[in-house]
Amino acid sequence: MSDMQDYKSSLSDSGSRKFETFSYLPPMNPEKIRRQVEYIVSRGWNPAIEHTEPENAFDHYWYMWKLPMFGETDVDAILAEAEACHKAHPNNHVRLVGYDNFRQTQGAAMVIYRGPSV
């Protein structure tokens, strides 16, 4: 078996916690976030923005930022809403979700802004 990297994380250290798939990779820059939004739109998924305090990210539901953007295909509008959420809640994690309305599930979910560690 090949050696696998152990990602040290614990509930007591919010800075070490992993959220969704992309949290195991280096932070996404604005261009990579844009590409993920483009992917969500290209799949026909409905984007939504959620946020929560870092200390509540695992044991609480995330707050919805406005309503999901049903049918929105303008990548810049989606990015503007994510940025507005981040500016309104600078100490919260902000997550981008792509809802697949045919499968009735999340097609994608990723933290795009991390709040400061507690």
PDB file of N, CA and C in Angstrom:
ATOM      1  N   MET A   1       0.855  -1.178   0.000  1.00  0.00           N
ATOM      2  CA  MET A   1       0.000   0.000   0.000  1.00  0.00           C
ATOM      3  C   MET A   1       0.897   1.236   0.000  1.00  0.00           C
ATOM      4  N   SER A   2       0.510   2.232  -0.745  1.00  0.00           N
ATOM      5  CA  SER A   2       1.308   3.452  -0.809  1.00  0.00           C
ATOM      6  C   SER A   2       1.129   4.276   0.455  1.00  0.00           C
ATOM      7  N   ASP A   3       2.112   5.126   0.706  1.00  0.00           N
ATOM      8  CA  ASP A   3       2.024   6.007   1.867  1.00  0.00           C
ATOM      9  C   ASP A   3       1.007   7.093   1.590  1.00  0.00           C
ATOM     10  N   MET A   4       0.135   7.312   2.539  1.00  0.00           N
ATOM     11  CA  MET A   4      -0.865   8.358   2.414  1.00  0.00           C
ATOM     12  C   MET A   4      -0.577   9.416   3.452  1.00  0.00           C
ATOM     13  N   GLN A   5      -0.828  10.655   3.094  1.00  0.00           N
ATOM     14  CA  GLN A   5      -0.578  11.768   3.990  1.00  0.00           C
ATOM     15  C   GLN A   5      -1.699  11.859   5.020  1.00  0.00           C
ATOM     16  N   ASP A   6      -1.316  12.036   6.282  1.00  0.00           N
ATOM     17  CA  ASP A   6      -2.293  12.209   7.351  1.00  0.00           C
ATOM     18  C   ASP A   6      -2.550  13.699   7.532  1.00  0.00           C
ATOM     19  N   TYR A   7      -3.805  14.103   7.393  1.00  0.00           N
ATOM     20  CA  TYR A   7      -4.173  15.494   7.618  1.00  0.00           C
ATOM     21  C   TYR A   7      -4.606  15.635   9.062  1.00  0.00           C
ATOM     22  N   LYS A   8      -3.749  16.225   9.856  1.00  0.00           N
ATOM     23  CA  LYS A   8      -4.045  16.417  11.272  1.00  0.00           C
ATOM     24  C   LYS A   8      -5.205  17.388  11.404  1.00  0.00           C
ATOM     25  N   SER A   9      -6.250  16.967  12.045  1.00  0.00           N
ATOM     26  CA  SER A   9      -7.367  17.864  12.310  1.00  0.00           C
ATOM     27  C   SER A   9      -8.030  17.444  13.612  1.00  0.00           C
ATOM     28  N   SER A  10      -8.617  18.426  14.269  1.00  0.00           N
ATOM     29  CA  SER A  10      -9.301  18.141  15.527  1.00  0.00           C
ATOM     30  C   SER A  10     -10.410  19.155  15.730  1.00  0.00           C
ATOM     31  N   LEU A  11     -11.379  18.769  16.530  1.00  0.00           N
ATOM     32  CA  LEU A  11     -12.481  19.671  16.816  1.00  0.00           C
ATOM     33  C   LEU A  11     -12.018  20.875  17.617  1.00  0.00           C
ATOM     34  N   SER A  12     -10.987  20.698  18.437  1.00  0.00           N
ATOM     35  CA  SER A  12     -10.519  21.807  19.275  1.00  0.00           C
ATOM     36  C   SER A  12      -9.691  22.833  18.508  1.00  0.00           C
ATOM     37  N   ASP A  13      -9.220  22.488  17.322  1.00  0.00           N
ATOM     38  CA  ASP A  13      -8.419  23.406  16.509  1.00  0.00           C
ATOM     39  C   ASP A  13      -9.172  23.690  15.213  1.00  0.00           C
ATOM     40  N   SER A  14      -9.974  24.765  15.213  1.00  0.00           N
ATOM     41  CA  SER A  14     -10.815  25.046  14.039  1.00  0.00           C
ATOM     42  C   SER A  14      -9.994  25.336  12.795  1.00  0.00           C
ATOM     43  N   GLY A  15      -8.762  25.786  12.946  1.00  0.00           N
ATOM     44  CA  GLY A  15      -7.918  26.044  11.786  1.00  0.00           C
ATOM     45  C   GLY A  15      -7.473  24.779  11.077  1.00  0.00           C
ATOM     46  N   SER A  16      -7.546  23.643  11.763  1.00  0.00           N
ATOM     47  CA  SER A  16      -7.107  22.381  11.167  1.00  0.00           C
ATOM     48  C   SER A  16      -8.240  21.618  10.496  1.00  0.00           C
ATOM     49  N   ARG A  17      -9.450  22.057  10.677  1.00  0.00           N
ATOM     50  CA  ARG A  17     -10.605  21.313  10.172  1.00  0.00           C
ATOM     51  C   ARG A  17     -10.697  21.369   8.648  1.00  0.00           C
ATOM     52  N   LYS A  18     -11.178  20.290   8.071  1.00  0.00           N
ATOM     53  CA  LYS A  18     -11.333  20.186   6.626  1.00  0.00           C
ATOM     54  C   LYS A  18     -12.818  20.249   6.278  1.00  0.00           C
ATOM     55  N   PHE A  19     -13.145  20.970   5.212  1.00  0.00           N
ATOM     56  CA  PHE A  19     -14.517  21.147   4.774  1.00  0.00           C
ATOM     57  C   PHE A  19     -14.601  20.814   3.298  1.00  0.00           C
ATOM     58  N   GLU A  20     -15.410  19.847   2.973  1.00  0.00           N
ATOM     59  CA  GLU A  20     -15.642  19.471   1.589  1.00  0.00           C
ATOM     60  C   GLU A  20     -14.332  19.000   0.944  1.00  0.00           C
ATOM     61  N   THR A  21     -14.363  18.673  -0.313  1.00  0.00           N
ATOM     62  CA  THR A  21     -13.231  18.091  -1.015  1.00  0.00           C
ATOM     63  C   THR A  21     -12.058  19.049  -1.169  1.00  0.00           C
ATOM     64  N   PHE A  22     -12.321  20.301  -1.556  1.00  0.00           N
ATOM     65  CA  PHE A  22     -11.233  21.201  -1.910  1.00  0.00           C
ATOM     66  C   PHE A  22     -10.434  21.702  -0.712  1.00  0.00           C
ATOM     67  N   SER A  23     -10.885  21.462   0.508  1.00  0.00           N
ATOM     68  CA  SER A  23     -10.153  21.960   1.663  1.00  0.00           C
ATOM     69  C   SER A  23      -8.848  21.215   1.880  1.00  0.00           C
ATOM     70  N   TYR A  24      -8.672  20.093   1.202  1.00  0.00           N
ATOM     71  CA  TYR A  24      -7.420  19.353   1.312  1.00  0.00           C
ATOM     72  C   TYR A  24      -6.371  19.876   0.334  1.00  0.00           C
ATOM     73  N   LEU A  25      -6.761  20.779  -0.520  1.00  0.00           N
ATOM     74  CA  LEU A  25      -5.866  21.392  -1.490  1.00  0.00           C
ATOM     75  C   LEU A  25      -5.486  22.789  -1.022  1.00  0.00           C
ATOM     76  N   PRO A  26      -4.487  23.399  -1.637  1.00  0.00           N
ATOM     77  CA  PRO A  26      -4.175  24.796  -1.293  1.00  0.00           C
ATOM     78  C   PRO A  26      -5.402  25.683  -1.538  1.00  0.00           C
ATOM     79  N   PRO A  27      -5.509  26.816  -0.833  1.00  0.00           N
ATOM     80  CA  PRO A  27      -6.668  27.703  -1.028  1.00  0.00           C
ATOM     81  C   PRO A  27      -6.822  28.093  -2.495  1.00  0.00           C
ATOM     82  N   MET A  28      -8.080  28.218  -2.922  1.00  0.00           N
ATOM     83  CA  MET A  28      -8.348  28.599  -4.304  1.00  0.00           C
ATOM     84  C   MET A  28      -8.180  30.100  -4.476  1.00  0.00           C
ATOM     85  N   ASN A  29      -7.525  30.479  -5.558  1.00  0.00           N
ATOM     86  CA  ASN A  29      -7.423  31.901  -5.892  1.00  0.00           C
ATOM     87  C   ASN A  29      -8.704  32.295  -6.648  1.00  0.00           C
ATOM     88  N   PRO A  30      -8.898  33.584  -6.905  1.00  0.00           N
ATOM     89  CA  PRO A  30     -10.128  34.016  -7.576  1.00  0.00           C
ATOM     90  C   PRO A  30     -10.385  33.332  -8.920  1.00  0.00           C
ATOM     91  N   GLU A  31      -9.348  33.048  -9.676  1.00  0.00           N
ATOM     92  CA  GLU A  31      -9.541  32.387 -10.973  1.00  0.00           C
ATOM     93  C   GLU A  31     -10.042  30.954 -10.795  1.00  0.00           C
ATOM     94  N   LYS A  32      -9.524  30.244  -9.804  1.00  0.00           N
ATOM     95  CA  LYS A  32      -9.989  28.879  -9.565  1.00  0.00           C
ATOM     96  C   LYS A  32     -11.425  28.870  -9.051  1.00  0.00           C
ATOM     97  N   ILE A  33     -11.775  29.848  -8.231  1.00  0.00           N
ATOM     98  CA  ILE A  33     -13.164  29.956  -7.772  1.00  0.00           C
ATOM     99  C   ILE A  33     -14.072  30.225  -8.963  1.00  0.00           C
ATOM    100  N   ARG A  34     -13.643  31.118  -9.845  1.00  0.00           N
ATOM    101  CA  ARG A  34     -14.428  31.422 -11.052  1.00  0.00           C
ATOM    102  C   ARG A  34     -14.648  30.153 -11.879  1.00  0.00           C
ATOM    103  N   ARG A  35     -13.626  29.345 -12.033  1.00  0.00           N
ATOM    104  CA  ARG A  35     -13.768  28.119 -12.819  1.00  0.00           C
ATOM    105  C   ARG A  35     -14.762  27.146 -12.178  1.00  0.00           C
ATOM    106  N   GLN A  36     -14.793  27.117 -10.854  1.00  0.00           N
ATOM    107  CA  GLN A  36     -15.767  26.248 -10.184  1.00  0.00           C
ATOM    108  C   GLN A  36     -17.194  26.761 -10.397  1.00  0.00           C
ATOM    109  N   VAL A  37     -17.366  28.086 -10.355  1.00  0.00           N
ATOM    110  CA  VAL A  37     -18.687  28.666 -10.628  1.00  0.00           C
ATOM    111  C   VAL A  37     -19.089  28.366 -12.075  1.00  0.00           C
ATOM    112  N   GLU A  38     -18.155  28.506 -13.005  1.00  0.00           N
ATOM    113  CA  GLU A  38     -18.440  28.198 -14.407  1.00  0.00           C
ATOM    114  C   GLU A  38     -18.860  26.737 -14.568  1.00  0.00           C
ATOM    115  N   TYR A  39     -18.212  25.847 -13.830  1.00  0.00           N
ATOM    116  CA  TYR A  39     -18.562  24.427 -13.884  1.00  0.00           C
ATOM    117  C   TYR A  39     -19.987  24.207 -13.376  1.00  0.00           C
ATOM    118  N   ILE A  40     -20.320  24.821 -12.233  1.00  0.00           N
ATOM    119  CA  ILE A  40     -21.667  24.690 -11.671  1.00  0.00           C
ATOM    120  C   ILE A  40     -22.709  25.166 -12.679  1.00  0.00           C
ATOM    121  N   VAL A  41     -22.450  26.319 -13.288  1.00  0.00           N
ATOM    122  CA  VAL A  41     -23.384  26.877 -14.276  1.00  0.00           C
ATOM    123  C   VAL A  41     -23.480  25.960 -15.495  1.00  0.00           C
ATOM    124  N   SER A  42     -22.345  25.436 -15.960  1.00  0.00           N
ATOM    125  CA  SER A  42     -22.349  24.588 -17.157  1.00  0.00           C
ATOM    126  C   SER A  42     -23.128  23.298 -16.942  1.00  0.00           C
ATOM    127  N   ARG A  43     -23.219  22.832 -15.710  1.00  0.00           N
ATOM    128  CA  ARG A  43     -23.973  21.619 -15.391  1.00  0.00           C
ATOM    129  C   ARG A  43     -25.470  21.887 -15.233  1.00  0.00           C
ATOM    130  N   GLY A  44     -25.850  23.167 -15.218  1.00  0.00           N
ATOM    131  CA  GLY A  44     -27.249  23.514 -15.029  1.00  0.00           C
ATOM    132  C   GLY A  44     -27.685  23.473 -13.580  1.00  0.00           C
ATOM    133  N   TRP A  45     -26.724  23.457 -12.667  1.00  0.00           N
ATOM    134  CA  TRP A  45     -27.029  23.421 -11.243  1.00  0.00           C
ATOM    135  C   TRP A  45     -27.370  24.820 -10.749  1.00  0.00           C
ATOM    136  N   ASN A  46     -28.149  24.898  -9.691  1.00  0.00           N
ATOM    137  CA  ASN A  46     -28.534  26.173  -9.102  1.00  0.00           C
ATOM    138  C   ASN A  46     -27.544  26.550  -8.011  1.00  0.00           C
ATOM    139  N   PRO A  47     -26.840  27.670  -8.180  1.00  0.00           N
ATOM    140  CA  PRO A  47     -25.859  28.072  -7.170  1.00  0.00           C
ATOM    141  C   PRO A  47     -26.533  28.664  -5.934  1.00  0.00           C
ATOM    142  N   ALA A  48     -25.868  28.495  -4.816  1.00  0.00           N
ATOM    143  CA  ALA A  48     -26.317  29.093  -3.560  1.00  0.00           C
ATOM    144  C   ALA A  48     -25.086  29.406  -2.731  1.00  0.00           C
ATOM    145  N   ILE A  49     -25.216  30.398  -1.868  1.00  0.00           N
ATOM    146  CA  ILE A  49     -24.134  30.802  -0.973  1.00  0.00           C
ATOM    147  C   ILE A  49     -24.600  30.551   0.454  1.00  0.00           C
ATOM    148  N   GLU A  50     -23.743  29.938   1.261  1.00  0.00           N
ATOM    149  CA  GLU A  50     -24.018  29.691   2.678  1.00  0.00           C
ATOM    150  C   GLU A  50     -22.850  30.200   3.498  1.00  0.00           C
ATOM    151  N   HIS A  51     -23.106  30.461   4.774  1.00  0.00           N
ATOM    152  CA  HIS A  51     -22.022  30.912   5.664  1.00  0.00           C
ATOM    153  C   HIS A  51     -22.302  30.454   7.087  1.00  0.00           C
ATOM    154  N   THR A  52     -21.243  30.371   7.882  1.00  0.00           N
ATOM    155  CA  THR A  52     -21.371  30.053   9.299  1.00  0.00           C
ATOM    156  C   THR A  52     -20.106  30.464  10.030  1.00  0.00           C
ATOM    157  N   GLU A  53     -20.222  30.576  11.336  1.00  0.00           N
ATOM    158  CA  GLU A  53     -19.068  30.872  12.171  1.00  0.00           C
ATOM    159  C   GLU A  53     -18.146  29.649  12.167  1.00  0.00           C
ATOM    160  N   PRO A  54     -16.823  29.858  12.172  1.00  0.00           N
ATOM    161  CA  PRO A  54     -15.907  28.711  12.145  1.00  0.00           C
ATOM    162  C   PRO A  54     -16.162  27.699  13.259  1.00  0.00           C
ATOM    163  N   GLU A  55     -16.505  28.180  14.438  1.00  0.00           N
ATOM    164  CA  GLU A  55     -16.709  27.254  15.561  1.00  0.00           C
ATOM    165  C   GLU A  55     -17.999  26.435  15.415  1.00  0.00           C
ATOM    166  N   ASN A  56     -18.901  26.829  14.531  1.00  0.00           N
ATOM    167  CA  ASN A  56     -20.163  26.121  14.339  1.00  0.00           C
ATOM    168  C   ASN A  56     -20.218  25.316  13.048  1.00  0.00           C
ATOM    169  N   ALA A  57     -19.129  25.250  12.328  1.00  0.00           N
ATOM    170  CA  ALA A  57     -19.156  24.656  10.987  1.00  0.00           C
ATOM    171  C   ALA A  57     -19.528  23.175  10.981  1.00  0.00           C
ATOM    172  N   PHE A  58     -19.314  22.468  12.088  1.00  0.00           N
ATOM    173  CA  PHE A  58     -19.590  21.035  12.092  1.00  0.00           C
ATOM    174  C   PHE A  58     -20.856  20.644  12.821  1.00  0.00           C
ATOM    175  N   ASP A  59     -21.301  21.434  13.755  1.00  0.00           N
ATOM    176  CA  ASP A  59     -22.435  20.995  14.562  1.00  0.00           C
ATOM    177  C   ASP A  59     -23.669  21.871  14.409  1.00  0.00           C
ATOM    178  N   HIS A  60     -23.708  22.683  13.368  1.00  0.00           N
ATOM    179  CA  HIS A  60     -24.869  23.523  13.085  1.00  0.00           C
ATOM    180  C   HIS A  60     -25.123  23.539  11.586  1.00  0.00           C
ATOM    181  N   TYR A  61     -26.356  23.839  11.219  1.00  0.00           N
ATOM    182  CA  TYR A  61     -26.631  24.087   9.803  1.00  0.00           C
ATOM    183  C   TYR A  61     -25.988  25.406   9.404  1.00  0.00           C
ATOM    184  N   TRP A  62     -25.586  25.506   8.176  1.00  0.00           N
ATOM    185  CA  TRP A  62     -25.020  26.747   7.665  1.00  0.00           C
ATOM    186  C   TRP A  62     -26.173  27.688   7.319  1.00  0.00           C
ATOM    187  N   TYR A  63     -25.941  28.986   7.483  1.00  0.00           N
ATOM    188  CA  TYR A  63     -26.958  29.987   7.155  1.00  0.00           C
ATOM    189  C   TYR A  63     -26.988  30.193   5.638  1.00  0.00           C
ATOM    190  N   MET A  64     -28.187  30.328   5.101  1.00  0.00           N
ATOM    191  CA  MET A  64     -28.330  30.604   3.677  1.00  0.00           C
ATOM    192  C   MET A  64     -28.159  32.108   3.462  1.00  0.00           C
ATOM    193  N   TRP A  65     -27.330  32.482   2.495  1.00  0.00           N
ATOM    194  CA  TRP A  65     -27.195  33.887   2.097  1.00  0.00           C
ATOM    195  C   TRP A  65     -28.247  34.135   1.027  1.00  0.00           C
ATOM    196  N   LYS A  66     -29.271  34.860   1.382  1.00  0.00           N
ATOM    197  CA  LYS A  66     -30.398  35.096   0.489  1.00  0.00           C
ATOM    198  C   LYS A  66     -31.001  33.753   0.076  1.00  0.00           C
ATOM    199  N   LEU A  67     -31.666  33.707  -1.056  1.00  0.00           N
ATOM    200  CA  LEU A  67     -32.219  32.461  -1.573  1.00  0.00           C
ATOM    201  C   LEU A  67     -31.249  31.854  -2.574  1.00  0.00           C
ATOM    202  N   PRO A  68     -31.361  30.548  -2.860  1.00  0.00           N
ATOM    203  CA  PRO A  68     -30.543  29.994  -3.946  1.00  0.00           C
ATOM    204  C   PRO A  68     -30.815  30.776  -5.233  1.00  0.00           C
ATOM    205  N   MET A  69     -29.822  30.855  -6.078  1.00  0.00           N
ATOM    206  CA  MET A  69     -29.932  31.639  -7.313  1.00  0.00           C
ATOM    207  C   MET A  69     -30.464  30.754  -8.440  1.00  0.00           C
ATOM    208  N   PHE A  70     -31.753  30.413  -8.328  1.00  0.00           N
ATOM    209  CA  PHE A  70     -32.390  29.505  -9.281  1.00  0.00           C
ATOM    210  C   PHE A  70     -32.268  30.034 -10.711  1.00  0.00           C
ATOM    211  N   GLY A  71     -31.652  29.230 -11.569  1.00  0.00           N
ATOM    212  CA  GLY A  71     -31.539  29.580 -12.981  1.00  0.00           C
ATOM    213  C   GLY A  71     -30.488  30.625 -13.303  1.00  0.00           C
ATOM    214  N   GLU A  72     -29.725  31.078 -12.323  1.00  0.00           N
ATOM    215  CA  GLU A  72     -28.707  32.113 -12.585  1.00  0.00           C
ATOM    216  C   GLU A  72     -27.561  31.513 -13.392  1.00  0.00           C
ATOM    217  N   THR A  73     -27.209  32.165 -14.490  1.00  0.00           N
ATOM    218  CA  THR A  73     -26.103  31.700 -15.335  1.00  0.00           C
ATOM    219  C   THR A  73     -24.999  32.742 -15.466  1.00  0.00           C
ATOM    220  N   ASP A  74     -25.165  33.899 -14.853  1.00  0.00           N
ATOM    221  CA  ASP A  74     -24.161  34.955 -14.921  1.00  0.00           C
ATOM    222  C   ASP A  74     -23.112  34.715 -13.829  1.00  0.00           C
ATOM    223  N   VAL A  75     -21.949  34.260 -14.252  1.00  0.00           N
ATOM    224  CA  VAL A  75     -20.875  33.922 -13.320  1.00  0.00           C
ATOM    225  C   VAL A  75     -20.496  35.133 -12.467  1.00  0.00           C
ATOM    226  N   ASP A  76     -20.440  36.312 -13.081  1.00  0.00           N
ATOM    227  CA  ASP A  76     -20.072  37.511 -12.325  1.00  0.00           C
ATOM    228  C   ASP A  76     -21.095  37.842 -11.247  1.00  0.00           C
ATOM    229  N   ALA A  77     -22.366  37.613 -11.511  1.00  0.00           N
ATOM    230  CA  ALA A  77     -23.413  37.862 -10.510  1.00  0.00           C
ATOM    231  C   ALA A  77     -23.265  36.900  -9.327  1.00  0.00           C
ATOM    232  N   ILE A  78     -22.944  35.651  -9.610  1.00  0.00           N
ATOM    233  CA  ILE A  78     -22.757  34.657  -8.549  1.00  0.00           C
ATOM    234  C   ILE A  78     -21.540  35.013  -7.706  1.00  0.00           C
ATOM    235  N   LEU A  79     -20.445  35.369  -8.367  1.00  0.00           N
ATOM    236  CA  LEU A  79     -19.236  35.767  -7.640  1.00  0.00           C
ATOM    237  C   LEU A  79     -19.476  37.025  -6.811  1.00  0.00           C
ATOM    238  N   ALA A  80     -20.274  37.951  -7.332  1.00  0.00           N
ATOM    239  CA  ALA A  80     -20.586  39.179  -6.593  1.00  0.00           C
ATOM    240  C   ALA A  80     -21.378  38.855  -5.330  1.00  0.00           C
ATOM    241  N   GLU A  81     -22.295  37.910  -5.398  1.00  0.00           N
ATOM    242  CA  GLU A  81     -23.054  37.511  -4.207  1.00  0.00           C
ATOM    243  C   GLU A  81     -22.148  36.844  -3.183  1.00  0.00           C
ATOM    244  N   ALA A  82     -21.231  36.012  -3.636  1.00  0.00           N
ATOM    245  CA  ALA A  82     -20.287  35.369  -2.714  1.00  0.00           C
ATOM    246  C   ALA A  82     -19.421  36.418  -2.025  1.00  0.00           C
ATOM    247  N   GLU A  83     -18.951  37.387  -2.782  1.00  0.00           N
ATOM    248  CA  GLU A  83     -18.135  38.465  -2.215  1.00  0.00           C
ATOM    249  C   GLU A  83     -18.957  39.314  -1.248  1.00  0.00           C
ATOM    250  N   ALA A  84     -20.209  39.588  -1.591  1.00  0.00           N
ATOM    251  CA  ALA A  84     -21.079  40.374  -0.702  1.00  0.00           C
ATOM    252  C   ALA A  84     -21.302  39.637   0.618  1.00  0.00           C
ATOM    253  N   CYS A  85     -21.489  38.336   0.557  1.00  0.00           N
ATOM    254  CA  CYS A  85     -21.648  37.539   1.772  1.00  0.00           C
ATOM    255  C   CYS A  85     -20.384  37.595   2.614  1.00  0.00           C
ATOM    256  N   HIS A  86     -19.244  37.462   1.947  1.00  0.00           N
ATOM    257  CA  HIS A  86     -17.961  37.505   2.661  1.00  0.00           C
ATOM    258  C   HIS A  86     -17.740  38.871   3.320  1.00  0.00           C
ATOM    259  N   LYS A  87     -18.084  39.939   2.632  1.00  0.00           N
ATOM    260  CA  LYS A  87     -17.937  41.279   3.203  1.00  0.00           C
ATOM    261  C   LYS A  87     -18.897  41.508   4.362  1.00  0.00           C
ATOM    262  N   ALA A  88     -20.119  40.973   4.258  1.00  0.00           N
ATOM    263  CA  ALA A  88     -21.107  41.136   5.325  1.00  0.00           C
ATOM    264  C   ALA A  88     -20.767  40.284   6.547  1.00  0.00           C
ATOM    265  N   HIS A  89     -20.066  39.181   6.335  1.00  0.00           N
ATOM    266  CA  HIS A  89     -19.715  38.249   7.415  1.00  0.00           C
ATOM    267  C   HIS A  89     -18.235  37.873   7.308  1.00  0.00           C
ATOM    268  N   PRO A  90     -17.332  38.831   7.527  1.00  0.00           N
ATOM    269  CA  PRO A  90     -15.908  38.575   7.286  1.00  0.00           C
ATOM    270  C   PRO A  90     -15.285  37.526   8.214  1.00  0.00           C
ATOM    271  N   ASN A  91     -15.925  37.234   9.331  1.00  0.00           N
ATOM    272  CA  ASN A  91     -15.381  36.245  10.261  1.00  0.00           C
ATOM    273  C   ASN A  91     -15.966  34.851  10.062  1.00  0.00           C
ATOM    274  N   ASN A  92     -16.823  34.700   9.065  1.00  0.00           N
ATOM    275  CA  ASN A  92     -17.464  33.405   8.804  1.00  0.00           C
ATOM    276  C   ASN A  92     -16.816  32.687   7.626  1.00  0.00           C
ATOM    277  N   HIS A  93     -16.998  31.368   7.631  1.00  0.00           N
ATOM    278  CA  HIS A  93     -16.683  30.595   6.439  1.00  0.00           C
ATOM    279  C   HIS A  93     -17.815  30.843   5.440  1.00  0.00           C
ATOM    280  N   VAL A  94     -17.470  30.926   4.165  1.00  0.00           N
ATOM    281  CA  VAL A  94     -18.471  31.094   3.108  1.00  0.00           C
ATOM    282  C   VAL A  94     -18.338  29.908   2.156  1.00  0.00           C
ATOM    283  N   ARG A  95     -19.464  29.281   1.895  1.00  0.00           N
ATOM    284  CA  ARG A  95     -19.477  28.076   1.064  1.00  0.00           C
ATOM    285  C   ARG A  95     -20.319  28.314  -0.191  1.00  0.00           C
ATOM    286  N   LEU A  96     -19.824  27.834  -1.315  1.00  0.00           N
ATOM    287  CA  LEU A  96     -20.550  27.844  -2.586  1.00  0.00           C
ATOM    288  C   LEU A  96     -21.125  26.451  -2.805  1.00  0.00           C
ATOM    289  N   VAL A  97     -22.407  26.386  -3.104  1.00  0.00           N
ATOM    290  CA  VAL A  97     -23.084  25.116  -3.326  1.00  0.00           C
ATOM    291  C   VAL A  97     -23.725  25.145  -4.710  1.00  0.00           C
ATOM    292  N   GLY A  98     -23.673  24.025  -5.398  1.00  0.00           N
ATOM    293  CA  GLY A  98     -24.385  23.858  -6.657  1.00  0.00           C
ATOM    294  C   GLY A  98     -25.428  22.773  -6.478  1.00  0.00           C
ATOM    295  N   TYR A  99     -26.703  23.149  -6.474  1.00  0.00           N
ATOM    296  CA  TYR A  99     -27.790  22.184  -6.283  1.00  0.00           C
ATOM    297  C   TYR A  99     -28.207  21.569  -7.613  1.00  0.00           C
ATOM    298  N   ASP A 100     -28.186  20.260  -7.661  1.00  0.00           N
ATOM    299  CA  ASP A 100     -28.636  19.513  -8.835  1.00  0.00           C
ATOM    300  C   ASP A 100     -30.118  19.224  -8.640  1.00  0.00           C
ATOM    301  N   ASN A 101     -30.969  19.964  -9.334  1.00  0.00           N
ATOM    302  CA  ASN A 101     -32.403  19.816  -9.103  1.00  0.00           C
ATOM    303  C   ASN A 101     -32.977  18.532  -9.702  1.00  0.00           C
ATOM    304  N   PHE A 102     -32.264  17.864 -10.580  1.00  0.00           N
ATOM    305  CA  PHE A 102     -32.750  16.599 -11.127  1.00  0.00           C
ATOM    306  C   PHE A 102     -32.501  15.445 -10.155  1.00  0.00           C
ATOM    307  N   ARG A 103     -31.346  15.454  -9.525  1.00  0.00           N
ATOM    308  CA  ARG A 103     -31.015  14.409  -8.557  1.00  0.00           C
ATOM    309  C   ARG A 103     -31.429  14.777  -7.134  1.00  0.00           C
ATOM    310  N   GLN A 104     -31.877  16.027  -6.941  1.00  0.00           N
ATOM    311  CA  GLN A 104     -32.315  16.514  -5.627  1.00  0.00           C
ATOM    312  C   GLN A 104     -31.205  16.394  -4.589  1.00  0.00           C
ATOM    313  N   THR A 105     -30.026  16.855  -4.966  1.00  0.00           N
ATOM    314  CA  THR A 105     -28.872  16.794  -4.070  1.00  0.00           C
ATOM    315  C   THR A 105     -27.892  17.892  -4.418  1.00  0.00           C
ATOM    316  N   GLN A 106     -26.856  18.020  -3.612  1.00  0.00           N
ATOM    317  CA  GLN A 106     -25.784  18.957  -3.931  1.00  0.00           C
ATOM    318  C   GLN A 106     -24.867  18.301  -4.962  1.00  0.00           C
ATOM    319  N   GLY A 107     -24.664  18.976  -6.076  1.00  0.00           N
ATOM    320  CA  GLY A 107     -23.720  18.488  -7.074  1.00  0.00           C
ATOM    321  C   GLY A 107     -22.306  18.919  -6.749  1.00  0.00           C
ATOM    322  N   ALA A 108     -22.189  20.040  -6.040  1.00  0.00           N
ATOM    323  CA  ALA A 108     -20.887  20.572  -5.642  1.00  0.00           C
ATOM    324  C   ALA A 108     -21.072  21.396  -4.376  1.00  0.00           C
ATOM    325  N   ALA A 109     -20.049  21.403  -3.548  1.00  0.00           N
ATOM    326  CA  ALA A 109     -20.044  22.243  -2.353  1.00  0.00           C
ATOM    327  C   ALA A 109     -18.588  22.468  -1.964  1.00  0.00           C
ATOM    328  N   MET A 110     -18.229  23.725  -1.753  1.00  0.00           N
ATOM    329  CA  MET A 110     -16.843  24.032  -1.399  1.00  0.00           C
ATOM    330  C   MET A 110     -16.775  25.326  -0.602  1.00  0.00           C
ATOM    331  N   VAL A 111     -15.901  25.361   0.372  1.00  0.00           N
ATOM    332  CA  VAL A 111     -15.656  26.588   1.132  1.00  0.00           C
ATOM    333  C   VAL A 111     -14.749  27.465   0.277  1.00  0.00           C
ATOM    334  N   ILE A 112     -15.225  28.669  -0.036  1.00  0.00           N
ATOM    335  CA  ILE A 112     -14.435  29.555  -0.890  1.00  0.00           C
ATOM    336  C   ILE A 112     -13.791  30.693  -0.108  1.00  0.00           C
ATOM    337  N   TYR A 113     -14.293  30.976   1.086  1.00  0.00           N
ATOM    338  CA  TYR A 113     -13.666  31.928   2.007  1.00  0.00           C
ATOM    339  C   TYR A 113     -13.682  31.298   3.390  1.00  0.00           C
ATOM    340  N   ARG A 114     -12.520  31.308   4.054  1.00  0.00           N
ATOM    341  CA  ARG A 114     -12.443  30.802   5.411  1.00  0.00           C
ATOM    342  C   ARG A 114     -12.383  31.966   6.382  1.00  0.00           C
ATOM    343  N   GLY A 115     -13.155  31.845   7.444  1.00  0.00           N
ATOM    344  CA  GLY A 115     -13.061  32.826   8.519  1.00  0.00           C
ATOM    345  C   GLY A 115     -11.780  32.574   9.299  1.00  0.00           C
ATOM    346  N   PRO A 116     -11.403  33.523  10.157  1.00  0.00           N
ATOM    347  CA  PRO A 116     -10.189  33.324  10.959  1.00  0.00           C
ATOM    348  C   PRO A 116     -10.349  32.141  11.923  1.00  0.00           C
ATOM    349  N   SER A 117      -9.264  31.498  12.241  1.00  0.00           N
ATOM    350  CA  SER A 117      -9.291  30.374  13.186  1.00  0.00           C
ATOM    351  C   SER A 117      -9.651  30.871  14.568  1.00  0.00           C
ATOM    352  N   VAL A 118     -10.380  30.051  15.287  1.00  0.00           N
ATOM    353  CA  VAL A 118     -10.808  30.414  16.644  1.00  0.00           C
ATOM    354  C   VAL A 118      -9.712  30.059  17.628  1.00  0.00           C
TER     355      VAL A 118
END
